[in-house]
N, C-alpha and C. Protein backbone atom coordinates (compact mmCIF):
# COMPACT_ATOMS: atom_id res chain seq x y z
N MET A 1 77.12 59.97 247.82
CA MET A 1 77.81 58.87 247.67
C MET A 1 77.53 57.99 249.23
N VAL A 2 77.03 56.60 248.81
CA VAL A 2 76.46 55.69 249.77
C VAL A 2 77.61 54.41 249.40
N VAL A 3 78.28 53.64 249.96
CA VAL A 3 78.55 52.38 249.73
C VAL A 3 77.76 51.79 251.03
N THR A 4 77.35 50.37 250.21
CA THR A 4 76.86 49.06 250.88
C THR A 4 77.36 48.04 250.73
N ASP A 5 77.23 46.89 251.09
CA ASP A 5 77.67 45.64 251.33
C ASP A 5 76.56 45.07 250.64
N ALA A 6 76.53 43.56 250.20
CA ALA A 6 75.77 42.64 249.39
C ALA A 6 74.38 42.55 250.37
N GLU A 7 74.31 42.73 251.42
CA GLU A 7 73.34 42.42 252.21
C GLU A 7 72.55 44.04 252.09
N GLY A 8 72.91 44.98 251.69
CA GLY A 8 72.35 46.28 252.14
C GLY A 8 73.47 47.36 253.48
N ARG A 9 73.81 46.33 254.06
CA ARG A 9 74.37 46.95 255.26
C ARG A 9 75.61 48.27 254.90
N LEU A 10 75.34 49.84 255.39
CA LEU A 10 76.26 50.81 255.01
C LEU A 10 77.38 50.85 255.48
N LEU A 11 78.64 50.87 254.94
CA LEU A 11 79.78 50.30 254.39
C LEU A 11 80.67 52.24 255.03
N PHE A 12 79.92 53.24 253.98
CA PHE A 12 80.55 54.28 253.86
C PHE A 12 79.36 55.09 253.32
N CYS A 13 79.41 56.15 253.85
CA CYS A 13 78.24 57.61 253.18
C CYS A 13 79.58 58.94 253.36
N SER A 14 79.43 59.76 252.23
CA SER A 14 79.77 60.70 252.72
C SER A 14 78.81 61.79 252.88
N PRO A 15 79.55 63.04 252.64
CA PRO A 15 78.67 64.11 253.50
C PRO A 15 77.97 64.80 252.09
N ALA A 16 76.95 65.60 252.30
CA ALA A 16 76.51 66.24 251.09
C ALA A 16 77.08 67.72 250.94
N GLU A 17 77.12 67.64 249.82
CA GLU A 17 78.12 68.97 249.39
C GLU A 17 77.44 69.99 248.33
N PRO A 18 77.19 71.19 248.89
CA PRO A 18 76.65 72.32 248.51
C PRO A 18 76.64 72.52 246.61
N ALA A 19 78.05 72.31 245.99
CA ALA A 19 77.85 72.46 244.54
C ALA A 19 78.05 71.12 244.15
N SER A 20 77.49 71.13 242.72
CA SER A 20 77.98 69.81 241.87
C SER A 20 79.31 69.39 242.03
N CYS A 21 79.23 68.24 241.81
CA CYS A 21 81.19 67.84 241.60
C CYS A 21 80.99 66.49 240.89
N ALA A 22 81.73 65.96 239.81
CA ALA A 22 81.76 64.62 239.39
C ALA A 22 81.33 63.37 240.68
N ASP A 23 80.97 62.39 240.34
CA ASP A 23 81.58 61.47 241.04
C ASP A 23 82.73 61.01 241.66
N ILE A 24 83.69 60.69 240.43
CA ILE A 24 84.70 60.61 240.22
C ILE A 24 85.89 61.75 241.37
N THR A 25 85.65 62.88 240.80
CA THR A 25 86.30 63.83 241.55
C THR A 25 86.07 63.88 243.46
N HIS A 26 84.43 63.34 243.56
CA HIS A 26 84.11 63.76 245.28
C HIS A 26 84.57 62.21 245.59
N ALA A 27 85.09 60.75 244.91
CA ALA A 27 85.66 59.90 245.39
C ALA A 27 87.04 60.44 245.85
N ARG A 28 87.84 60.76 244.99
CA ARG A 28 89.01 61.03 245.15
C ARG A 28 89.47 62.28 246.27
N LYS A 29 88.40 63.17 246.53
CA LYS A 29 88.92 64.35 247.25
C LYS A 29 88.49 63.87 248.44
N LEU A 30 87.24 62.64 248.94
CA LEU A 30 86.58 62.27 250.12
C LEU A 30 87.91 61.30 250.58
N GLY A 31 89.02 61.05 250.06
CA GLY A 31 89.79 59.65 250.33
C GLY A 31 89.42 58.30 249.78
N LEU A 32 88.36 57.84 249.21
CA LEU A 32 87.74 56.78 249.05
C LEU A 32 88.84 56.29 248.45
N VAL A 33 89.29 56.68 246.99
CA VAL A 33 89.95 55.96 246.03
C VAL A 33 91.20 54.92 246.86
N LYS A 34 91.81 56.25 247.79
CA LYS A 34 93.31 55.91 248.55
C LYS A 34 92.39 54.22 249.59
N LEU A 35 91.74 54.93 249.88
CA LEU A 35 91.31 53.74 251.09
C LEU A 35 90.35 52.28 250.36
N LEU A 36 89.91 52.26 249.31
CA LEU A 36 89.64 51.05 248.40
C LEU A 36 91.00 50.47 247.73
N ALA A 37 92.10 51.62 247.30
CA ALA A 37 93.07 50.72 246.56
C ALA A 37 94.02 50.17 247.92
N ASP A 38 94.36 50.87 249.31
CA ASP A 38 94.50 50.34 250.24
C ASP A 38 94.30 49.23 251.05
N GLY A 39 93.01 49.44 251.13
CA GLY A 39 92.19 48.21 252.24
C GLY A 39 92.19 47.24 251.47
N PRO A 40 91.03 46.36 252.21
CA PRO A 40 91.22 44.92 252.21
C PRO A 40 90.73 45.11 250.81
N ALA A 41 90.88 43.30 250.06
CA ALA A 41 90.21 43.06 248.59
C ALA A 41 88.62 43.43 248.84
N ALA A 42 87.95 44.14 247.97
CA ALA A 42 86.67 44.29 247.57
C ALA A 42 86.31 44.43 246.52
N GLU A 43 84.73 44.01 245.67
CA GLU A 43 84.85 44.38 244.48
C GLU A 43 83.40 45.75 244.83
N ILE A 44 83.88 46.73 244.25
CA ILE A 44 82.42 47.76 244.20
C ILE A 44 81.86 47.79 242.89
N LEU A 45 80.78 48.01 242.67
CA LEU A 45 79.78 48.08 241.66
C LEU A 45 79.66 49.17 241.47
N ALA A 46 79.89 50.66 240.45
CA ALA A 46 79.52 51.54 240.67
C ALA A 46 78.96 51.92 238.94
N ASP A 47 78.54 53.27 239.16
CA ASP A 47 78.12 53.49 238.06
C ASP A 47 79.09 54.08 237.08
N ALA A 48 78.41 54.46 235.59
CA ALA A 48 79.33 54.98 234.74
C ALA A 48 80.01 56.22 235.38
N GLY A 49 79.75 56.90 236.50
CA GLY A 49 80.34 58.31 236.99
C GLY A 49 81.65 57.80 237.25
N TYR A 50 81.87 56.83 237.82
CA TYR A 50 82.65 56.34 238.57
C TYR A 50 83.76 55.30 237.26
N GLN A 51 84.06 55.70 235.93
CA GLN A 51 84.83 54.79 235.01
C GLN A 51 85.77 55.36 235.42
N GLY A 52 87.11 54.41 235.51
CA GLY A 52 88.87 54.84 235.49
C GLY A 52 88.70 54.87 236.72
N LEU A 53 88.57 54.19 237.58
CA LEU A 53 88.56 54.07 239.08
C LEU A 53 89.07 52.97 239.38
N GLY A 54 88.76 52.01 238.60
CA GLY A 54 88.96 50.22 238.27
C GLY A 54 90.47 50.50 238.53
N ALA A 55 91.16 51.08 237.74
CA ALA A 55 92.68 51.53 237.60
C ALA A 55 93.24 51.93 238.29
N GLN A 56 92.30 52.91 239.34
CA GLN A 56 93.45 53.67 240.37
C GLN A 56 93.52 52.91 241.85
N THR A 57 92.30 51.56 241.48
CA THR A 57 91.77 51.31 242.96
C THR A 57 92.20 49.62 243.12
N ARG A 58 93.46 49.26 242.00
CA ARG A 58 93.82 47.40 241.30
C ARG A 58 92.43 46.83 241.15
N GLY A 59 91.29 47.49 240.56
CA GLY A 59 90.46 46.64 239.73
C GLY A 59 89.13 46.50 241.09
N ARG A 60 89.08 47.14 241.55
CA ARG A 60 88.50 46.75 243.44
C ARG A 60 87.03 47.72 242.60
N VAL A 61 87.17 48.93 241.41
CA VAL A 61 85.55 49.28 241.14
C VAL A 61 85.71 48.79 239.87
N VAL A 62 84.17 48.59 239.81
CA VAL A 62 83.89 48.07 238.54
C VAL A 62 82.88 48.53 237.77
N THR A 63 82.97 49.16 236.95
CA THR A 63 81.73 49.91 236.36
C THR A 63 81.43 49.43 234.75
N PRO A 64 80.55 50.01 234.19
CA PRO A 64 79.77 49.28 233.30
C PRO A 64 80.77 49.41 232.11
N PRO A 65 80.86 49.09 230.94
CA PRO A 65 81.68 49.13 229.76
C PRO A 65 81.44 51.01 228.97
N HIS A 66 82.87 51.52 228.72
CA HIS A 66 82.36 52.37 228.20
C HIS A 66 81.48 52.06 226.85
N ARG A 67 80.82 53.39 226.62
CA ARG A 67 80.01 53.49 225.37
C ARG A 67 80.52 53.29 223.95
N LYS A 68 81.56 53.19 223.78
CA LYS A 68 81.99 52.67 222.41
C LYS A 68 81.93 51.01 222.57
N PHE A 69 81.84 50.40 223.59
CA PHE A 69 82.00 49.12 223.49
C PHE A 69 80.56 48.48 223.23
N LYS A 70 79.36 49.22 223.36
CA LYS A 70 78.19 49.35 223.79
C LYS A 70 77.75 48.27 222.49
N LYS A 71 77.83 47.71 221.77
CA LYS A 71 77.59 46.90 220.48
C LYS A 71 78.04 45.74 220.21
N ASN A 72 79.66 46.12 220.81
CA ASN A 72 80.67 44.85 220.64
C ASN A 72 81.78 45.14 222.04
N PRO A 73 80.97 44.76 223.06
CA PRO A 73 81.66 44.72 224.60
C PRO A 73 83.02 43.66 224.13
N PRO A 74 84.49 43.95 224.96
CA PRO A 74 84.90 43.15 224.79
C PRO A 74 85.15 41.65 225.91
N GLU A 75 85.16 40.65 225.55
CA GLU A 75 85.18 39.57 226.36
C GLU A 75 85.43 40.22 227.98
C-alpha cells in the first residue's frame, strides 16, 4: 500500500506482507485508519478495496461508488 501526494511524493509505504490480506484490513492493521481519522485534514482517493473507510476517517478516504449505484449514482 502506497500513499502519495498530488505531485507523487511518497507519504506512506506499508511493508510487504507474505500472505493475502484485504486492503481495508491491512490499512486498519497498520494504523493508517487511525492516522487518517486523527491527523490533519486530507482527502485520499482510493480504489474499491477501501470502501467503508470514508466513514471511519471522517470522509477523508474517497472511493468509487458502490456497484449497485453504477447505473444511477447518487448526487
